[in-house]
Amino acid sequence: MRGEMTKPAKAEAHICEREELEASGWTPANASRFMNHVGPLWRKYEDGRMRFGILVGPQHDNTQGRPHGGMIMTLCDDAMGNHAQAQRPGERLFTVSFDCQFIGAASEGEFVEARCEVVKATRSLIFMRSTCSVGDRTIAASSGIWKAVGK
């Protein structure tokens, strides 16, 4: 049915529930009002790195039974911004450039995770990249530049 997301039939679909996320150490992130509207955003600290994700729900549907690309891009932008912010605590950062490539798709009930890394940091710019995945399946790759504008 159009506009209704369906769960994939494959066993490797990584369907999860909120309780499973919490049991695995994920916590709801203290995010912006916009990200709370899109998300909620989940966060997990592991091996000294922050991980971010969104549990795909029916509100993310793009009318094709998949989460909207804007939701995936918002996750990537917010995750990279949070990761960049951790490198510059107390400074204000703004996205000045963002690029995203869609590689695959997710479905309702799947947990989409963004893993980020700093490529290079200068005095005023932080170059980032991230990979979005559902389990071992890559669904998007992105990169961006954040500008530090002081405190």
C-alpha atoms as a PDB file:
ATOM      1  CA  MET A   1       0.000   0.000   0.000  1.00  0.00           C
ATOM      2  CA  ARG A   2       1.393   3.412  -0.942  1.00  0.00           C
ATOM      3  CA  GLY A   3       2.748   5.430   1.965  1.00  0.00           C
ATOM      4  CA  GLU A   4       2.930   2.400   4.251  1.00  0.00           C
ATOM      5  CA  MET A   5       6.366   1.120   5.179  1.00  0.00           C
ATOM      6  CA  THR A   6       6.855  -2.628   5.350  1.00  0.00           C
ATOM      7  CA  LYS A   7       9.432  -4.602   7.278  1.00  0.00           C
ATOM      8  CA  PRO A   8      11.902  -6.591   5.209  1.00  0.00           C
ATOM      9  CA  ALA A   9      11.550 -10.367   5.273  1.00  0.00           C
ATOM     10  CA  LYS A  10      15.296 -11.105   5.414  1.00  0.00           C
ATOM     11  CA  ALA A  11      16.753 -12.331   8.700  1.00  0.00           C
ATOM     12  CA  GLU A  12      19.686  -9.883   8.422  1.00  0.00           C
ATOM     13  CA  ALA A  13      17.312  -6.906   8.394  1.00  0.00           C
ATOM     14  CA  HIS A  14      18.362  -5.862  11.932  1.00  0.00           C
ATOM     15  CA  ILE A  15      14.836  -5.007  13.065  1.00  0.00           C
ATOM     16  CA  CYS A  16      15.049  -3.639  16.586  1.00  0.00           C
ATOM     17  CA  GLU A  17      12.999  -1.979  19.272  1.00  0.00           C
ATOM     18  CA  ARG A  18      13.728   0.843  21.688  1.00  0.00           C
ATOM     19  CA  GLU A  19      14.270  -1.641  24.538  1.00  0.00           C
ATOM     20  CA  GLU A  20      16.942  -3.481  22.529  1.00  0.00           C
ATOM     21  CA  LEU A  21      18.772  -0.210  21.870  1.00  0.00           C
ATOM     22  CA  GLU A  22      18.756   0.713  25.550  1.00  0.00           C
ATOM     23  CA  ALA A  23      19.927  -2.780  26.552  1.00  0.00           C
ATOM     24  CA  SER A  24      22.824  -2.397  24.093  1.00  0.00           C
ATOM     25  CA  GLY A  25      23.985   0.873  25.677  1.00  0.00           C
ATOM     26  CA  TRP A  26      22.273   3.349  23.346  1.00  0.00           C
ATOM     27  CA  THR A  27      20.657   6.399  24.964  1.00  0.00           C
ATOM     28  CA  PRO A  28      18.449   9.139  23.536  1.00  0.00           C
ATOM     29  CA  ALA A  29      20.730  12.057  22.670  1.00  0.00           C
ATOM     30  CA  ASN A  30      20.198  15.597  23.891  1.00  0.00           C
ATOM     31  CA  ALA A  31      19.641  16.938  20.382  1.00  0.00           C
ATOM     32  CA  SER A  32      18.357  20.113  18.759  1.00  0.00           C
ATOM     33  CA  ARG A  33      14.617  20.657  18.432  1.00  0.00           C
ATOM     34  CA  PHE A  34      14.866  19.944  14.711  1.00  0.00           C
ATOM     35  CA  MET A  35      16.722  16.663  15.272  1.00  0.00           C
ATOM     36  CA  ASN A  36      14.167  15.662  17.907  1.00  0.00           C
ATOM     37  CA  HIS A  37      11.476  16.308  15.294  1.00  0.00           C
ATOM     38  CA  VAL A  38      13.270  14.110  12.739  1.00  0.00           C
ATOM     39  CA  GLY A  39      14.602  11.494  15.194  1.00  0.00           C
ATOM     40  CA  PRO A  40      14.793  10.829  17.965  1.00  0.00           C
ATOM     41  CA  LEU A  41      18.579  10.642  17.754  1.00  0.00           C
ATOM     42  CA  TRP A  42      20.325   7.878  19.689  1.00  0.00           C
ATOM     43  CA  ARG A  43      23.926   8.042  20.938  1.00  0.00           C
ATOM     44  CA  LYS A  44      26.418   5.499  22.201  1.00  0.00           C
ATOM     45  CA  TYR A  45      30.008   5.898  23.398  1.00  0.00           C
ATOM     46  CA  GLU A  46      32.181   2.946  22.488  1.00  0.00           C
ATOM     47  CA  ASP A  47      35.954   2.625  22.370  1.00  0.00           C
ATOM     48  CA  GLY A  48      36.312   6.381  22.895  1.00  0.00           C
ATOM     49  CA  ARG A  49      34.105   7.230  19.905  1.00  0.00           C
ATOM     50  CA  MET A  50      30.573   8.545  19.637  1.00  0.00           C
ATOM     51  CA  ARG A  51      28.087   6.642  17.499  1.00  0.00           C
ATOM     52  CA  PHE A  52      24.706   8.057  16.439  1.00  0.00           C
ATOM     53  CA  GLY A  53      21.587   6.484  15.002  1.00  0.00           C
ATOM     54  CA  ILE A  54      17.878   6.663  14.291  1.00  0.00           C
ATOM     55  CA  LEU A  55      15.330   3.872  14.599  1.00  0.00           C
ATOM     56  CA  VAL A  56      13.340   4.100  11.348  1.00  0.00           C
ATOM     57  CA  GLY A  57       9.632   4.593  11.987  1.00  0.00           C
ATOM     58  CA  PRO A  58       6.539   5.158   9.848  1.00  0.00           C
ATOM     59  CA  GLN A  59       7.013   8.948  10.163  1.00  0.00           C
ATOM     60  CA  HIS A  60      10.189   8.629   8.059  1.00  0.00           C
ATOM     61  CA  ASP A  61       8.396   7.125   5.031  1.00  0.00           C
ATOM     62  CA  ASN A  62       9.151   8.678   1.633  1.00  0.00           C
ATOM     63  CA  THR A  63       5.922   7.225   0.119  1.00  0.00           C
ATOM     64  CA  GLN A  64       8.021   4.435  -1.425  1.00  0.00           C
ATOM     65  CA  GLY A  65       8.255   2.291   1.714  1.00  0.00           C
ATOM     66  CA  ARG A  66      11.713   3.585   2.615  1.00  0.00           C
ATOM     67  CA  PRO A  67      12.973   6.344   4.910  1.00  0.00           C
ATOM     68  CA  HIS A  68      13.187   9.731   3.219  1.00  0.00           C
ATOM     69  CA  GLY A  69      16.648  10.733   1.991  1.00  0.00           C
ATOM     70  CA  GLY A  70      16.311  13.941   3.981  1.00  0.00           C
ATOM     71  CA  MET A  71      16.132  11.883   7.178  1.00  0.00           C
ATOM     72  CA  ILE A  72      19.357  10.058   6.244  1.00  0.00           C
ATOM     73  CA  MET A  73      21.074  13.355   5.362  1.00  0.00           C
ATOM     74  CA  THR A  74      19.897  14.960   8.604  1.00  0.00           C
ATOM     75  CA  LEU A  75      21.308  12.032  10.581  1.00  0.00           C
ATOM     76  CA  CYS A  76      24.669  12.335   8.785  1.00  0.00           C
ATOM     77  CA  ASP A  77      24.829  16.121   9.245  1.00  0.00           C
ATOM     78  CA  ASP A  78      23.870  16.003  12.909  1.00  0.00           C
ATOM     79  CA  ALA A  79      26.181  13.073  13.708  1.00  0.00           C
ATOM     80  CA  MET A  80      29.174  14.701  12.026  1.00  0.00           C
ATOM     81  CA  GLY A  81      28.355  18.031  13.687  1.00  0.00           C
ATOM     82  CA  ASN A  82      28.175  16.404  17.122  1.00  0.00           C
ATOM     83  CA  HIS A  83      31.437  14.563  16.482  1.00  0.00           C
ATOM     84  CA  ALA A  84      33.110  17.798  15.324  1.00  0.00           C
ATOM     85  CA  GLN A  85      31.737  19.605  18.391  1.00  0.00           C
ATOM     86  CA  ALA A  86      33.392  17.022  20.644  1.00  0.00           C
ATOM     87  CA  GLN A  87      36.715  18.060  19.103  1.00  0.00           C
ATOM     88  CA  ARG A  88      36.072  21.733  19.949  1.00  0.00           C
ATOM     89  CA  PRO A  89      34.156  21.875  23.238  1.00  0.00           C
ATOM     90  CA  GLY A  90      32.771  25.302  24.011  1.00  0.00           C
ATOM     91  CA  GLU A  91      33.121  26.597  20.450  1.00  0.00           C
ATOM     92  CA  ARG A  92      30.227  27.273  18.098  1.00  0.00           C
ATOM     93  CA  LEU A  93      30.339  25.250  14.882  1.00  0.00           C
ATOM     94  CA  PHE A  94      28.322  25.573  11.694  1.00  0.00           C
ATOM     95  CA  THR A  95      28.061  23.326   8.646  1.00  0.00           C
ATOM     96  CA  VAL A  96      29.567  25.131   5.639  1.00  0.00           C
ATOM     97  CA  SER A  97      29.610  22.214   3.194  1.00  0.00           C
ATOM     98  CA  PHE A  98      27.803  18.871   3.062  1.00  0.00           C
ATOM     99  CA  ASP A  99      27.743  16.075   0.480  1.00  0.00           C
ATOM    100  CA  CYS A 100      25.885  12.754   0.626  1.00  0.00           C
ATOM    101  CA  GLN A 101      25.726   9.690  -1.591  1.00  0.00           C
ATOM    102  CA  PHE A 102      22.927   7.150  -1.222  1.00  0.00           C
ATOM    103  CA  ILE A 103      24.231   3.613  -1.623  1.00  0.00           C
ATOM    104  CA  GLY A 104      21.390   1.452  -0.309  1.00  0.00           C
ATOM    105  CA  ALA A 105      18.146   1.668   1.612  1.00  0.00           C
ATOM    106  CA  ALA A 106      16.662   0.944   5.015  1.00  0.00           C
ATOM    107  CA  SER A 107      13.182  -0.095   6.093  1.00  0.00           C
ATOM    108  CA  GLU A 108      10.857   0.598   8.990  1.00  0.00           C
ATOM    109  CA  GLY A 109      12.081  -0.982  12.199  1.00  0.00           C
ATOM    110  CA  GLU A 110      15.728  -0.928  11.179  1.00  0.00           C
ATOM    111  CA  PHE A 111      18.333   1.042  13.105  1.00  0.00           C
ATOM    112  CA  VAL A 112      20.386   3.345  10.886  1.00  0.00           C
ATOM    113  CA  GLU A 113      23.744   4.186  12.408  1.00  0.00           C
ATOM    114  CA  ALA A 114      26.179   6.940  11.427  1.00  0.00           C
ATOM    115  CA  ARG A 115      29.855   6.460  12.246  1.00  0.00           C
ATOM    116  CA  CYS A 116      31.985   9.566  11.893  1.00  0.00           C
ATOM    117  CA  GLU A 117      35.601  10.524  11.730  1.00  0.00           C
ATOM    118  CA  VAL A 118      37.618  13.708  11.561  1.00  0.00           C
ATOM    119  CA  VAL A 119      39.611  13.792   8.331  1.00  0.00           C
ATOM    120  CA  LYS A 120      41.504  16.975   9.213  1.00  0.00           C
ATOM    121  CA  ALA A 121      41.111  19.869  11.617  1.00  0.00           C
ATOM    122  CA  THR A 122      42.603  23.322  11.174  1.00  0.00           C
ATOM    123  CA  ARG A 123      42.304  26.377  13.395  1.00  0.00           C
ATOM    124  CA  SER A 124      38.887  27.266  12.002  1.00  0.00           C
ATOM    125  CA  LEU A 125      37.694  24.267   9.919  1.00  0.00           C
ATOM    126  CA  ILE A 126      36.940  20.626  10.681  1.00  0.00           C
ATOM    127  CA  PHE A 127      36.716  18.220   7.737  1.00  0.00           C
ATOM    128  CA  MET A 128      34.497  15.216   8.469  1.00  0.00           C
ATOM    129  CA  ARG A 129      33.186  12.052   6.845  1.00  0.00           C
ATOM    130  CA  SER A 130      30.628   9.475   7.902  1.00  0.00           C
ATOM    131  CA  THR A 131      29.172   6.178   6.822  1.00  0.00           C
ATOM    132  CA  CYS A 132      25.546   5.235   7.484  1.00  0.00           C
ATOM    133  CA  SER A 133      24.729   1.579   7.837  1.00  0.00           C
ATOM    134  CA  VAL A 134      22.137  -0.909   8.947  1.00  0.00           C
ATOM    135  CA  GLY A 135      24.181  -3.659  10.539  1.00  0.00           C
ATOM    136  CA  ASP A 136      26.876  -4.522   7.985  1.00  0.00           C
ATOM    137  CA  ARG A 137      24.925  -2.995   5.083  1.00  0.00           C
ATOM    138  CA  THR A 138      26.149   0.478   4.015  1.00  0.00           C
ATOM    139  CA  ILE A 139      23.298   2.746   2.930  1.00  0.00           C
ATOM    140  CA  ALA A 140      24.965   6.184   2.650  1.00  0.00           C
ATOM    141  CA  ALA A 141      28.286   7.969   2.772  1.00  0.00           C
ATOM    142  CA  SER A 142      28.746  11.643   3.478  1.00  0.00           C
ATOM    143  CA  SER A 143      31.351  14.298   4.062  1.00  0.00           C
ATOM    144  CA  GLY A 144      31.265  17.856   5.282  1.00  0.00           C
ATOM    145  CA  ILE A 145      33.149  20.833   6.579  1.00  0.00           C
ATOM    146  CA  TRP A 146      32.378  22.602   9.852  1.00  0.00           C
ATOM    147  CA  LYS A 147      33.461  26.169  10.622  1.00  0.00           C
ATOM    148  CA  ALA A 148      34.466  27.099  14.174  1.00  0.00           C
ATOM    149  CA  VAL A 149      33.365  30.673  14.955  1.00  0.00           C
ATOM    150  CA  GLY A 150      34.508  31.039  18.558  1.00  0.00           C
ATOM    151  CA  LYS A 151      32.710  30.718  21.823  1.00  0.00           C
END
